[in-house]
Amino acid sequence: MLEALKGIASGMKTTLSMLKEPRDTYPYPEKRRELAPRYRGKHMLAVDEDGHELCVGCGLCEAVCPAHAIRVVAAGAEGDRTVSWTERYAVDYEVDLIRCIFCGMCEEACPTNAVRLTPFNELAAYDRRDMIAKKDELLAPPVRR
């Protein structure tokens, strides 16, 4: 019984001594961590100065993704409809942010520099379906709330 009380007292001594130490946490969201310049966060699809999508739906990003987190459905433009700067564009573009390992291979494989990884790192949702970034969400750059 005496040995048990000595163990508890030793543990409490360690705990109380740590209260004087500075904390290793950040008061998020008031203060945010400094990220490395090459940090890779949420994806975005770029547009040119005229507002045309740079993605031509080639599917290279989908092919090189080791996590199979990207899905691209391509189509040709109908009539005089200008979505992309070419006749081909991505009708549907999805990134599963749960499966993505943020390796940056999609960004490297893109021949038109349409796929970009932003420094946005605030990815949270209550439902798995909300973690699938659709094309309209990817075309708008992410913002901090």
C-alpha atoms as a PDB file:
ATOM      1  CA  MET A   1       0.000   0.000   0.000  1.00  0.00           C
ATOM      2  CA  LEU A   2       2.825   2.364   0.857  1.00  0.00           C
ATOM      3  CA  GLU A   3       4.552   1.616  -2.463  1.00  0.00           C
ATOM      4  CA  ALA A   4       1.351   2.532  -4.341  1.00  0.00           C
ATOM      5  CA  LEU A   5       1.154   5.904  -2.578  1.00  0.00           C
ATOM      6  CA  LYS A   6       4.819   6.587  -3.368  1.00  0.00           C
ATOM      7  CA  GLY A   7       4.092   5.884  -7.045  1.00  0.00           C
ATOM      8  CA  ILE A   8       1.113   8.234  -7.068  1.00  0.00           C
ATOM      9  CA  ALA A   9       3.122  10.958  -5.300  1.00  0.00           C
ATOM     10  CA  SER A  10       5.960  10.588  -7.811  1.00  0.00           C
ATOM     11  CA  GLY A  11       3.521  10.880 -10.707  1.00  0.00           C
ATOM     12  CA  MET A  12       1.836  13.952  -9.211  1.00  0.00           C
ATOM     13  CA  LYS A  13       5.251  15.579  -8.692  1.00  0.00           C
ATOM     14  CA  THR A  14       6.065  15.098 -12.380  1.00  0.00           C
ATOM     15  CA  THR A  15       2.651  16.429 -13.426  1.00  0.00           C
ATOM     16  CA  LEU A  16       2.859  19.520 -11.239  1.00  0.00           C
ATOM     17  CA  SER A  17       6.409  20.313 -12.369  1.00  0.00           C
ATOM     18  CA  MET A  18       5.233  20.329 -15.997  1.00  0.00           C
ATOM     19  CA  LEU A  19       2.672  23.054 -15.275  1.00  0.00           C
ATOM     20  CA  LYS A  20       5.502  25.609 -15.153  1.00  0.00           C
ATOM     21  CA  GLU A  21       6.799  24.666 -18.621  1.00  0.00           C
ATOM     22  CA  PRO A  22       5.757  26.691 -21.712  1.00  0.00           C
ATOM     23  CA  ARG A  23       3.040  25.124 -23.845  1.00  0.00           C
ATOM     24  CA  ASP A  24       3.730  23.562 -27.214  1.00  0.00           C
ATOM     25  CA  THR A  25       0.303  24.314 -28.643  1.00  0.00           C
ATOM     26  CA  TYR A  26      -0.932  27.307 -30.662  1.00  0.00           C
ATOM     27  CA  PRO A  27      -4.011  29.351 -29.697  1.00  0.00           C
ATOM     28  CA  TYR A  28      -5.697  28.388 -32.967  1.00  0.00           C
ATOM     29  CA  PRO A  29      -7.371  30.148 -34.857  1.00  0.00           C
ATOM     30  CA  GLU A  30      -6.105  33.423 -33.380  1.00  0.00           C
ATOM     31  CA  LYS A  31      -2.519  32.435 -34.126  1.00  0.00           C
ATOM     32  CA  ARG A  32      -1.687  30.119 -37.016  1.00  0.00           C
ATOM     33  CA  ARG A  33       1.416  28.030 -37.552  1.00  0.00           C
ATOM     34  CA  GLU A  34       4.004  29.154 -40.056  1.00  0.00           C
ATOM     35  CA  LEU A  35       3.960  26.722 -42.980  1.00  0.00           C
ATOM     36  CA  ALA A  36       6.932  25.837 -45.116  1.00  0.00           C
ATOM     37  CA  PRO A  37       7.073  27.668 -48.484  1.00  0.00           C
ATOM     38  CA  ARG A  38       6.663  24.357 -50.330  1.00  0.00           C
ATOM     39  CA  TYR A  39       3.716  23.175 -48.215  1.00  0.00           C
ATOM     40  CA  ARG A  40       1.062  21.334 -50.233  1.00  0.00           C
ATOM     41  CA  GLY A  41      -2.548  21.723 -49.142  1.00  0.00           C
ATOM     42  CA  LYS A  42      -5.949  21.764 -50.822  1.00  0.00           C
ATOM     43  CA  HIS A  43      -6.147  21.563 -54.625  1.00  0.00           C
ATOM     44  CA  MET A  44      -7.404  24.234 -56.965  1.00  0.00           C
ATOM     45  CA  LEU A  45      -8.004  24.446 -60.723  1.00  0.00           C
ATOM     46  CA  ALA A  46      -6.535  27.540 -62.333  1.00  0.00           C
ATOM     47  CA  VAL A  47      -8.147  29.812 -64.916  1.00  0.00           C
ATOM     48  CA  ASP A  48      -6.454  32.226 -67.320  1.00  0.00           C
ATOM     49  CA  GLU A  49      -6.926  35.998 -67.544  1.00  0.00           C
ATOM     50  CA  ASP A  50      -9.998  35.601 -69.779  1.00  0.00           C
ATOM     51  CA  GLY A  51     -11.695  33.296 -67.289  1.00  0.00           C
ATOM     52  CA  HIS A  52     -11.187  30.135 -69.333  1.00  0.00           C
ATOM     53  CA  GLU A  53     -10.297  26.956 -67.486  1.00  0.00           C
ATOM     54  CA  LEU A  54      -6.754  25.744 -68.024  1.00  0.00           C
ATOM     55  CA  CYS A  55      -7.768  22.100 -67.479  1.00  0.00           C
ATOM     56  CA  VAL A  56      -8.234  20.299 -70.785  1.00  0.00           C
ATOM     57  CA  GLY A  57      -9.362  17.019 -69.216  1.00  0.00           C
ATOM     58  CA  CYS A  58      -6.336  15.029 -70.370  1.00  0.00           C
ATOM     59  CA  GLY A  59      -6.495  12.772 -67.305  1.00  0.00           C
ATOM     60  CA  LEU A  60      -2.768  12.769 -66.578  1.00  0.00           C
ATOM     61  CA  CYS A  61      -3.363  13.864 -62.993  1.00  0.00           C
ATOM     62  CA  GLU A  62      -5.777  10.970 -62.538  1.00  0.00           C
ATOM     63  CA  ALA A  63      -3.276   8.532 -64.039  1.00  0.00           C
ATOM     64  CA  VAL A  64      -0.309   9.521 -61.860  1.00  0.00           C
ATOM     65  CA  CYS A  65      -2.200   9.803 -58.555  1.00  0.00           C
ATOM     66  CA  PRO A  66      -0.848   7.012 -56.330  1.00  0.00           C
ATOM     67  CA  ALA A  67      -3.879   7.201 -54.020  1.00  0.00           C
ATOM     68  CA  HIS A  68      -6.456   7.184 -56.867  1.00  0.00           C
ATOM     69  CA  ALA A  69      -8.021  10.279 -55.326  1.00  0.00           C
ATOM     70  CA  ILE A  70      -8.738  12.165 -58.588  1.00  0.00           C
ATOM     71  CA  ARG A  71     -11.548  11.551 -61.069  1.00  0.00           C
ATOM     72  CA  VAL A  72     -11.690  13.407 -64.388  1.00  0.00           C
ATOM     73  CA  VAL A  73     -14.450  13.202 -66.995  1.00  0.00           C
ATOM     74  CA  ALA A  74     -13.536  14.986 -70.228  1.00  0.00           C
ATOM     75  CA  ALA A  75     -15.659  16.120 -73.155  1.00  0.00           C
ATOM     76  CA  GLY A  76     -15.449  18.263 -76.247  1.00  0.00           C
ATOM     77  CA  ALA A  77     -17.019  21.705 -76.477  1.00  0.00           C
ATOM     78  CA  GLU A  78     -20.384  21.874 -78.210  1.00  0.00           C
ATOM     79  CA  GLY A  79     -20.781  24.600 -80.790  1.00  0.00           C
ATOM     80  CA  ASP A  80     -19.327  27.979 -79.831  1.00  0.00           C
ATOM     81  CA  ARG A  81     -19.345  27.269 -76.106  1.00  0.00           C
ATOM     82  CA  THR A  82     -15.997  28.350 -74.649  1.00  0.00           C
ATOM     83  CA  VAL A  83     -15.218  26.709 -71.336  1.00  0.00           C
ATOM     84  CA  SER A  84     -11.553  26.008 -71.829  1.00  0.00           C
ATOM     85  CA  TRP A  85      -8.975  27.580 -74.103  1.00  0.00           C
ATOM     86  CA  THR A  86      -9.191  24.457 -76.291  1.00  0.00           C
ATOM     87  CA  GLU A  87     -12.076  22.409 -77.620  1.00  0.00           C
ATOM     88  CA  ARG A  88     -11.620  19.864 -74.825  1.00  0.00           C
ATOM     89  CA  TYR A  89     -12.408  20.484 -71.166  1.00  0.00           C
ATOM     90  CA  ALA A  90     -13.151  18.623 -67.946  1.00  0.00           C
ATOM     91  CA  VAL A  91     -16.892  18.208 -67.500  1.00  0.00           C
ATOM     92  CA  ASP A  92     -16.422  16.722 -64.058  1.00  0.00           C
ATOM     93  CA  TYR A  93     -13.342  16.951 -61.847  1.00  0.00           C
ATOM     94  CA  GLU A  94     -13.308  15.555 -58.313  1.00  0.00           C
ATOM     95  CA  VAL A  95     -10.610  15.172 -55.663  1.00  0.00           C
ATOM     96  CA  ASP A  96     -11.237  12.921 -52.680  1.00  0.00           C
ATOM     97  CA  LEU A  97      -9.426  14.848 -49.951  1.00  0.00           C
ATOM     98  CA  ILE A  98      -9.577  11.898 -47.561  1.00  0.00           C
ATOM     99  CA  ARG A  99      -7.714   9.607 -49.953  1.00  0.00           C
ATOM    100  CA  CYS A 100      -5.297  12.282 -51.180  1.00  0.00           C
ATOM    101  CA  ILE A 101      -1.791  12.074 -49.713  1.00  0.00           C
ATOM    102  CA  PHE A 102      -0.862  15.574 -50.971  1.00  0.00           C
ATOM    103  CA  CYS A 103       2.214  14.300 -52.787  1.00  0.00           C
ATOM    104  CA  GLY A 104       2.019  16.895 -55.589  1.00  0.00           C
ATOM    105  CA  MET A 105       2.352  14.412 -58.458  1.00  0.00           C
ATOM    106  CA  CYS A 106      -0.870  15.708 -60.046  1.00  0.00           C
ATOM    107  CA  GLU A 107       0.585  19.213 -60.045  1.00  0.00           C
ATOM    108  CA  GLU A 108       3.806  18.001 -61.687  1.00  0.00           C
ATOM    109  CA  ALA A 109       1.999  15.913 -64.325  1.00  0.00           C
ATOM    110  CA  CYS A 110      -0.375  18.657 -65.497  1.00  0.00           C
ATOM    111  CA  PRO A 111       0.796  19.890 -68.922  1.00  0.00           C
ATOM    112  CA  THR A 112      -1.200  23.132 -68.704  1.00  0.00           C
ATOM    113  CA  ASN A 113      -0.386  23.973 -65.056  1.00  0.00           C
ATOM    114  CA  ALA A 114      -4.093  23.824 -64.242  1.00  0.00           C
ATOM    115  CA  VAL A 115      -3.828  21.704 -61.098  1.00  0.00           C
ATOM    116  CA  ARG A 116      -2.242  23.550 -58.210  1.00  0.00           C
ATOM    117  CA  LEU A 117      -1.835  22.718 -54.553  1.00  0.00           C
ATOM    118  CA  THR A 118      -2.490  25.709 -52.334  1.00  0.00           C
ATOM    119  CA  PRO A 119      -1.174  26.327 -48.807  1.00  0.00           C
ATOM    120  CA  PHE A 120      -4.751  25.996 -47.477  1.00  0.00           C
ATOM    121  CA  ASN A 121      -4.688  23.332 -44.773  1.00  0.00           C
ATOM    122  CA  GLU A 122      -7.991  23.704 -42.933  1.00  0.00           C
ATOM    123  CA  LEU A 123      -9.722  20.567 -44.114  1.00  0.00           C
ATOM    124  CA  ALA A 124     -12.480  19.310 -41.829  1.00  0.00           C
ATOM    125  CA  ALA A 125     -16.032  18.086 -42.270  1.00  0.00           C
ATOM    126  CA  TYR A 126     -18.667  16.115 -40.413  1.00  0.00           C
ATOM    127  CA  ASP A 127     -19.561  13.992 -43.446  1.00  0.00           C
ATOM    128  CA  ARG A 128     -17.256  12.073 -45.806  1.00  0.00           C
ATOM    129  CA  ARG A 129     -19.176  13.375 -48.832  1.00  0.00           C
ATOM    130  CA  ASP A 130     -18.147  16.922 -47.897  1.00  0.00           C
ATOM    131  CA  MET A 131     -14.492  15.901 -48.255  1.00  0.00           C
ATOM    132  CA  ILE A 132     -14.896  15.303 -52.000  1.00  0.00           C
ATOM    133  CA  ALA A 133     -13.945  18.554 -53.699  1.00  0.00           C
ATOM    134  CA  LYS A 134     -15.987  19.034 -56.860  1.00  0.00           C
ATOM    135  CA  LYS A 135     -15.042  21.123 -59.892  1.00  0.00           C
ATOM    136  CA  ASP A 136     -16.958  24.275 -58.914  1.00  0.00           C
ATOM    137  CA  GLU A 137     -15.282  24.261 -55.488  1.00  0.00           C
ATOM    138  CA  LEU A 138     -11.838  23.706 -57.049  1.00  0.00           C
ATOM    139  CA  LEU A 139     -12.262  26.606 -59.469  1.00  0.00           C
ATOM    140  CA  ALA A 140     -12.783  29.028 -56.557  1.00  0.00           C
ATOM    141  CA  PRO A 141      -9.587  29.484 -54.532  1.00  0.00           C
ATOM    142  CA  PRO A 142      -9.993  28.392 -50.897  1.00  0.00           C
ATOM    143  CA  VAL A 143     -10.306  31.121 -48.279  1.00  0.00           C
ATOM    144  CA  ARG A 144      -9.842  31.124 -44.524  1.00  0.00           C
ATOM    145  CA  ARG A 145     -12.954  31.743 -42.464  1.00  0.00           C
END
